[in-house]
Amino acid sequence: GMSDAELLTLQKYKIKAMDSTDTLERVNSGIEYVEHNIGMVAARLAIQNI
């Protein structure tokens, strides 16, 4: 599962996307979130492989 910090981050990005009326801004926010998530997953895998 996700940690509390990850869930809070997800909520933050969701709220940011919902607040945005500009489609491009919403898309960029989504991309930003995905990139952040990939970083978190990569870090977690790296820690597991030590």
N, C-alpha and C. Protein backbone atom coordinates (compact mmCIF):
# COMPACT_ATOMS: atom_id res chain seq x y z
N GLY A 1 0.81 -1.21 0.00
CA GLY A 1 0.00 0.00 0.00
C GLY A 1 0.84 1.26 0.00
N MET A 2 0.16 2.38 -0.01
CA MET A 2 0.83 3.67 -0.02
C MET A 2 1.01 4.17 1.41
N SER A 3 2.07 4.92 1.60
CA SER A 3 2.30 5.53 2.91
C SER A 3 1.39 6.75 3.06
N ASP A 4 1.28 7.25 4.28
CA ASP A 4 0.47 8.45 4.53
C ASP A 4 0.98 9.62 3.70
N ALA A 5 2.29 9.75 3.62
CA ALA A 5 2.89 10.86 2.86
C ALA A 5 2.50 10.77 1.39
N GLU A 6 2.51 9.57 0.85
CA GLU A 6 2.14 9.37 -0.55
C GLU A 6 0.67 9.70 -0.78
N LEU A 7 -0.18 9.29 0.16
CA LEU A 7 -1.61 9.57 0.04
C LEU A 7 -1.87 11.07 0.12
N LEU A 8 -1.16 11.76 1.00
CA LEU A 8 -1.30 13.22 1.11
C LEU A 8 -0.87 13.89 -0.18
N THR A 9 0.21 13.41 -0.76
CA THR A 9 0.71 13.97 -2.02
C THR A 9 -0.33 13.76 -3.12
N LEU A 10 -0.90 12.57 -3.17
CA LEU A 10 -1.93 12.26 -4.16
C LEU A 10 -3.10 13.23 -4.01
N GLN A 11 -3.56 13.43 -2.77
CA GLN A 11 -4.66 14.35 -2.50
C GLN A 11 -4.32 15.76 -2.97
N LYS A 12 -3.10 16.18 -2.68
CA LYS A 12 -2.65 17.52 -3.05
C LYS A 12 -2.70 17.71 -4.57
N TYR A 13 -2.21 16.72 -5.31
CA TYR A 13 -2.23 16.81 -6.77
C TYR A 13 -3.65 16.75 -7.31
N LYS A 14 -4.49 15.93 -6.70
CA LYS A 14 -5.89 15.83 -7.13
C LYS A 14 -6.59 17.17 -6.96
N ILE A 15 -6.38 17.78 -5.78
CA ILE A 15 -7.01 19.07 -5.49
C ILE A 15 -6.51 20.12 -6.47
N LYS A 16 -5.20 20.11 -6.72
CA LYS A 16 -4.60 21.06 -7.65
C LYS A 16 -5.22 20.90 -9.04
N ALA A 17 -5.41 19.66 -9.47
CA ALA A 17 -5.98 19.38 -10.78
C ALA A 17 -7.45 19.81 -10.84
N MET A 18 -8.19 19.59 -9.76
CA MET A 18 -9.61 19.96 -9.72
C MET A 18 -9.78 21.48 -9.69
N ASP A 19 -8.87 22.16 -9.01
CA ASP A 19 -8.94 23.62 -8.92
C ASP A 19 -8.64 24.27 -10.27
N SER A 20 -7.87 23.59 -11.06
CA SER A 20 -7.43 24.15 -12.33
C SER A 20 -8.54 24.06 -13.38
N THR A 21 -8.86 25.20 -13.97
CA THR A 21 -9.86 25.21 -15.04
C THR A 21 -9.16 25.11 -16.39
N ASP A 22 -7.86 25.38 -16.38
CA ASP A 22 -7.06 25.31 -17.59
C ASP A 22 -6.65 23.86 -17.85
N THR A 23 -7.09 23.33 -18.97
CA THR A 23 -6.82 21.92 -19.31
C THR A 23 -5.33 21.62 -19.35
N LEU A 24 -4.56 22.50 -19.96
CA LEU A 24 -3.12 22.29 -20.07
C LEU A 24 -2.49 22.21 -18.68
N GLU A 25 -2.91 23.10 -17.81
CA GLU A 25 -2.39 23.11 -16.44
C GLU A 25 -2.76 21.80 -15.74
N ARG A 26 -3.96 21.33 -15.99
CA ARG A 26 -4.43 20.08 -15.39
C ARG A 26 -3.59 18.90 -15.88
N VAL A 27 -3.32 18.88 -17.17
CA VAL A 27 -2.49 17.82 -17.77
C VAL A 27 -1.09 17.86 -17.19
N ASN A 28 -0.51 19.06 -17.11
CA ASN A 28 0.84 19.22 -16.56
C ASN A 28 0.89 18.76 -15.11
N SER A 29 -0.14 19.06 -14.36
CA SER A 29 -0.22 18.65 -12.97
C SER A 29 -0.26 17.13 -12.88
N GLY A 30 -1.00 16.50 -13.77
CA GLY A 30 -1.09 15.05 -13.82
C GLY A 30 0.26 14.42 -14.15
N ILE A 31 0.96 15.00 -15.12
CA ILE A 31 2.28 14.51 -15.51
C ILE A 31 3.25 14.65 -14.35
N GLU A 32 3.18 15.78 -13.68
CA GLU A 32 4.03 16.05 -12.52
C GLU A 32 3.81 14.98 -11.44
N TYR A 33 2.54 14.66 -11.23
CA TYR A 33 2.20 13.65 -10.22
C TYR A 33 2.76 12.28 -10.62
N VAL A 34 2.60 11.91 -11.88
CA VAL A 34 3.08 10.61 -12.37
C VAL A 34 4.60 10.53 -12.22
N GLU A 35 5.29 11.61 -12.60
CA GLU A 35 6.76 11.63 -12.48
C GLU A 35 7.17 11.50 -11.02
N HIS A 36 6.46 12.17 -10.14
CA HIS A 36 6.74 12.09 -8.71
C HIS A 36 6.56 10.65 -8.23
N ASN A 37 5.47 10.03 -8.67
CA ASN A 37 5.17 8.65 -8.29
C ASN A 37 6.23 7.68 -8.77
N ILE A 38 6.69 7.85 -10.01
CA ILE A 38 7.74 6.99 -10.56
C ILE A 38 8.99 7.11 -9.70
N GLY A 39 9.31 8.32 -9.29
CA GLY A 39 10.46 8.55 -8.42
C GLY A 39 10.32 7.83 -7.09
N MET A 40 9.12 7.87 -6.52
CA MET A 40 8.86 7.20 -5.24
C MET A 40 9.00 5.69 -5.38
N VAL A 41 8.44 5.15 -6.45
CA VAL A 41 8.50 3.70 -6.69
C VAL A 41 9.94 3.27 -6.93
N ALA A 42 10.67 4.04 -7.73
CA ALA A 42 12.07 3.74 -8.02
C ALA A 42 12.90 3.75 -6.73
N ALA A 43 12.65 4.73 -5.88
CA ALA A 43 13.37 4.83 -4.61
C ALA A 43 13.05 3.63 -3.72
N ARG A 44 11.80 3.25 -3.69
CA ARG A 44 11.38 2.12 -2.86
C ARG A 44 12.04 0.82 -3.36
N LEU A 45 12.07 0.64 -4.66
CA LEU A 45 12.69 -0.56 -5.24
C LEU A 45 14.19 -0.57 -4.95
N ALA A 46 14.82 0.58 -5.06
CA ALA A 46 16.25 0.69 -4.78
C ALA A 46 16.55 0.29 -3.33
N ILE A 47 15.71 0.76 -2.41
CA ILE A 47 15.88 0.45 -0.99
C ILE A 47 15.70 -1.06 -0.76
N GLN A 48 14.71 -1.64 -1.41
CA GLN A 48 14.45 -3.08 -1.25
C GLN A 48 15.60 -3.93 -1.78
N ASN A 49 16.28 -3.42 -2.80
CA ASN A 49 17.35 -4.20 -3.44
C ASN A 49 18.70 -4.06 -2.77
N ILE A 50 18.79 -3.25 -1.73
CA ILE A 50 20.07 -3.06 -1.02
C ILE A 50 20.40 -4.33 -0.24
